Every structure is written in C-alpha cells, then in structure tokens.
C-alpha cells in the first residue's frame, strides 16, 4: 500500500517508511518542484520513496533472520 501512496504523495510515503526528517526535507523540495516544473520532477521523488520503502522492508527481513 505504501508503494501506491508513493505515486501520489512521496513525502507522506517516506514518513510512513520511518524517515521523518527526510520526509520534511523532501516535502520542502517537492512542493516547489511540482509547482515550478509542472510535475516533471515528480518521478524522481517517486523513485526515492520506492527505494526507501524497499530498504525498510529489507532491513526488517534481516532483523527477522537475526532472531532465529
């Protein structure tokens, strides 16, 4: 579900991925970029959010393996 949210609101998706400081920084950059570029920079932020979501999932997977 977080991947779908990243398509529309990447900063919120990054916040849900557990990176609050980065989410604030991305929001401050994302909003003017969307307004001034007409949405041309939006795919860059989607990609960033997807990478962070994937990284969070992999970190959890490694932590679960360490408990066994």
N, C-alpha and C. Protein backbone atom coordinates (compact mmCIF):
# COMPACT_ATOMS: atom_id res chain seq x y z
N UNK A 1 0.81 -1.19 0.00
CA UNK A 1 0.00 0.00 0.00
C UNK A 1 0.86 1.26 0.00
N UNK A 2 2.01 1.18 0.67
CA UNK A 2 2.89 2.33 0.73
C UNK A 2 3.45 2.67 -0.64
N UNK A 3 3.62 1.66 -1.50
CA UNK A 3 4.10 1.92 -2.85
C UNK A 3 3.08 2.74 -3.64
N UNK A 4 1.81 2.47 -3.46
CA UNK A 4 0.76 3.22 -4.15
C UNK A 4 0.71 4.65 -3.62
N UNK A 5 0.85 4.80 -2.33
CA UNK A 5 0.88 6.14 -1.74
C UNK A 5 2.06 6.95 -2.28
N UNK A 6 3.17 6.28 -2.55
CA UNK A 6 4.35 6.96 -3.08
C UNK A 6 4.10 7.55 -4.46
N UNK A 7 3.17 6.98 -5.20
CA UNK A 7 2.85 7.53 -6.52
C UNK A 7 2.22 8.91 -6.44
N UNK A 8 1.44 9.15 -5.40
CA UNK A 8 0.70 10.40 -5.29
C UNK A 8 1.32 11.39 -4.31
N UNK A 9 1.80 10.90 -3.17
CA UNK A 9 2.38 11.76 -2.14
C UNK A 9 3.69 11.17 -1.62
N UNK A 10 4.77 11.32 -2.36
CA UNK A 10 6.04 10.73 -1.92
C UNK A 10 6.50 11.16 -0.53
N UNK A 11 6.37 12.44 -0.13
CA UNK A 11 6.82 12.79 1.22
C UNK A 11 6.07 12.05 2.33
N UNK A 12 4.78 11.86 2.16
CA UNK A 12 4.00 11.14 3.16
C UNK A 12 4.41 9.67 3.20
N UNK A 13 4.68 9.12 2.06
CA UNK A 13 5.12 7.73 1.99
C UNK A 13 6.48 7.55 2.67
N UNK A 14 7.36 8.52 2.49
CA UNK A 14 8.68 8.47 3.15
C UNK A 14 8.50 8.58 4.66
N UNK A 15 7.56 9.39 5.09
CA UNK A 15 7.28 9.50 6.53
C UNK A 15 6.80 8.16 7.08
N UNK A 16 5.92 7.48 6.37
CA UNK A 16 5.43 6.17 6.82
C UNK A 16 6.51 5.10 6.76
N UNK A 17 7.55 5.33 5.96
CA UNK A 17 8.66 4.38 5.89
C UNK A 17 9.62 4.55 7.06
N UNK A 18 9.35 5.53 7.92
CA UNK A 18 10.15 5.68 9.13
C UNK A 18 11.28 6.68 9.01
N UNK A 19 11.18 7.62 8.09
CA UNK A 19 12.21 8.64 7.90
C UNK A 19 11.59 10.03 8.03
N UNK A 20 11.26 10.48 9.25
CA UNK A 20 10.55 11.76 9.41
C UNK A 20 11.36 12.98 8.97
N UNK A 21 12.64 13.03 9.30
CA UNK A 21 13.45 14.18 8.92
C UNK A 21 13.58 14.27 7.40
N UNK A 22 13.84 13.15 6.76
CA UNK A 22 13.95 13.13 5.31
C UNK A 22 12.62 13.48 4.65
N UNK A 23 11.52 13.07 5.25
CA UNK A 23 10.20 13.40 4.71
C UNK A 23 9.97 14.91 4.71
N UNK A 24 10.40 15.59 5.76
CA UNK A 24 10.25 17.05 5.83
C UNK A 24 11.12 17.72 4.77
N UNK A 25 12.36 17.26 4.63
CA UNK A 25 13.26 17.83 3.63
C UNK A 25 12.71 17.60 2.22
N UNK A 26 12.23 16.40 1.95
CA UNK A 26 11.67 16.09 0.63
C UNK A 26 10.43 16.93 0.37
N UNK A 27 9.59 17.13 1.37
CA UNK A 27 8.39 17.95 1.18
C UNK A 27 8.75 19.39 0.82
N UNK A 28 9.77 19.93 1.50
CA UNK A 28 10.19 21.31 1.25
C UNK A 28 10.72 21.45 -0.19
N UNK A 29 11.35 20.42 -0.71
CA UNK A 29 11.87 20.46 -2.08
C UNK A 29 10.80 20.05 -3.08
N UNK A 30 9.96 19.08 -2.72
CA UNK A 30 8.98 18.51 -3.64
C UNK A 30 7.90 19.50 -4.03
N UNK A 31 7.36 20.23 -3.08
CA UNK A 31 6.26 21.15 -3.36
C UNK A 31 6.63 22.23 -4.38
N UNK A 32 7.72 22.97 -4.19
CA UNK A 32 8.08 23.95 -5.22
C UNK A 32 8.46 23.29 -6.55
N UNK A 33 9.07 22.13 -6.48
CA UNK A 33 9.45 21.45 -7.72
C UNK A 33 8.22 21.07 -8.53
N UNK A 34 7.17 20.63 -7.87
CA UNK A 34 5.93 20.30 -8.56
C UNK A 34 5.29 21.54 -9.16
N UNK A 35 5.30 22.62 -8.41
CA UNK A 35 4.66 23.86 -8.88
C UNK A 35 5.43 24.47 -10.06
N UNK A 36 6.74 24.57 -9.94
CA UNK A 36 7.51 25.27 -10.95
C UNK A 36 7.84 24.43 -12.18
N UNK A 37 7.97 23.12 -12.01
CA UNK A 37 8.32 22.30 -13.17
C UNK A 37 7.10 21.67 -13.83
N UNK A 38 5.95 21.83 -13.24
CA UNK A 38 4.75 21.27 -13.83
C UNK A 38 4.66 19.76 -13.66
N UNK A 39 5.35 19.21 -12.71
CA UNK A 39 5.28 17.78 -12.45
C UNK A 39 6.39 16.96 -13.09
N UNK A 40 7.33 17.61 -13.76
CA UNK A 40 8.40 16.87 -14.42
C UNK A 40 9.36 16.20 -13.44
N UNK A 41 9.47 16.74 -12.23
CA UNK A 41 10.39 16.17 -11.25
C UNK A 41 9.72 15.12 -10.36
N UNK A 42 8.42 14.95 -10.50
CA UNK A 42 7.68 14.02 -9.65
C UNK A 42 8.21 12.58 -9.72
N UNK A 43 8.56 12.05 -10.89
CA UNK A 43 9.09 10.67 -10.93
C UNK A 43 10.36 10.47 -10.10
N UNK A 44 11.17 11.51 -9.97
CA UNK A 44 12.39 11.41 -9.17
C UNK A 44 12.03 11.16 -7.70
N UNK A 45 11.02 11.83 -7.19
CA UNK A 45 10.61 11.66 -5.80
C UNK A 45 9.90 10.32 -5.59
N UNK A 46 9.18 9.87 -6.59
CA UNK A 46 8.55 8.54 -6.51
C UNK A 46 9.63 7.47 -6.40
N UNK A 47 10.65 7.59 -7.22
CA UNK A 47 11.75 6.62 -7.18
C UNK A 47 12.45 6.64 -5.83
N UNK A 48 12.69 7.82 -5.29
CA UNK A 48 13.31 7.93 -3.96
C UNK A 48 12.45 7.24 -2.91
N UNK A 49 11.16 7.48 -2.94
CA UNK A 49 10.26 6.87 -1.96
C UNK A 49 10.26 5.35 -2.10
N UNK A 50 10.22 4.83 -3.33
CA UNK A 50 10.23 3.38 -3.53
C UNK A 50 11.51 2.75 -3.02
N UNK A 51 12.63 3.42 -3.25
CA UNK A 51 13.91 2.88 -2.76
C UNK A 51 13.91 2.83 -1.24
N UNK A 52 13.41 3.88 -0.59
CA UNK A 52 13.39 3.90 0.88
C UNK A 52 12.42 2.87 1.45
N UNK A 53 11.29 2.66 0.78
CA UNK A 53 10.35 1.63 1.23
C UNK A 53 10.97 0.25 1.10
N UNK A 54 11.63 0.00 -0.02
CA UNK A 54 12.29 -1.28 -0.24
C UNK A 54 13.40 -1.50 0.79
N UNK A 55 14.17 -0.46 1.07
CA UNK A 55 15.24 -0.56 2.05
C UNK A 55 14.68 -0.89 3.43
N UNK A 56 13.58 -0.26 3.80
CA UNK A 56 12.95 -0.53 5.09
C UNK A 56 12.51 -1.99 5.19
N UNK A 57 11.92 -2.50 4.10
CA UNK A 57 11.47 -3.89 4.07
C UNK A 57 12.65 -4.85 4.20
N UNK A 58 13.75 -4.55 3.52
CA UNK A 58 14.94 -5.41 3.61
C UNK A 58 15.54 -5.37 5.01
N UNK A 59 15.56 -4.20 5.63
CA UNK A 59 16.08 -4.10 7.00
C UNK A 59 15.26 -4.96 7.95
N UNK A 60 13.94 -4.93 7.80
CA UNK A 60 13.08 -5.77 8.65
C UNK A 60 13.34 -7.25 8.39
N UNK A 61 13.54 -7.60 7.14
CA UNK A 61 13.80 -9.00 6.80
C UNK A 61 15.09 -9.48 7.44
N UNK A 62 16.14 -8.64 7.41
CA UNK A 62 17.41 -9.03 8.03
C UNK A 62 17.28 -9.11 9.55
N UNK A 63 16.50 -8.24 10.14
CA UNK A 63 16.31 -8.29 11.59
C UNK A 63 15.56 -9.56 11.99
N UNK A 64 14.60 -9.96 11.19
CA UNK A 64 13.86 -11.20 11.48
C UNK A 64 14.75 -12.42 11.37
N UNK A 65 15.68 -12.41 10.43
CA UNK A 65 16.61 -13.54 10.28
C UNK A 65 17.57 -13.62 11.45
N UNK A 66 17.92 -12.49 12.03
CA UNK A 66 18.83 -12.47 13.16
C UNK A 66 18.23 -13.02 14.44
N UNK A 67 16.92 -13.05 14.53
CA UNK A 67 16.25 -13.55 15.74
C UNK A 67 16.19 -15.06 15.77
N UNK A 68 16.25 -15.70 14.60
CA UNK A 68 16.14 -17.16 14.56
C UNK A 68 17.35 -17.86 15.08
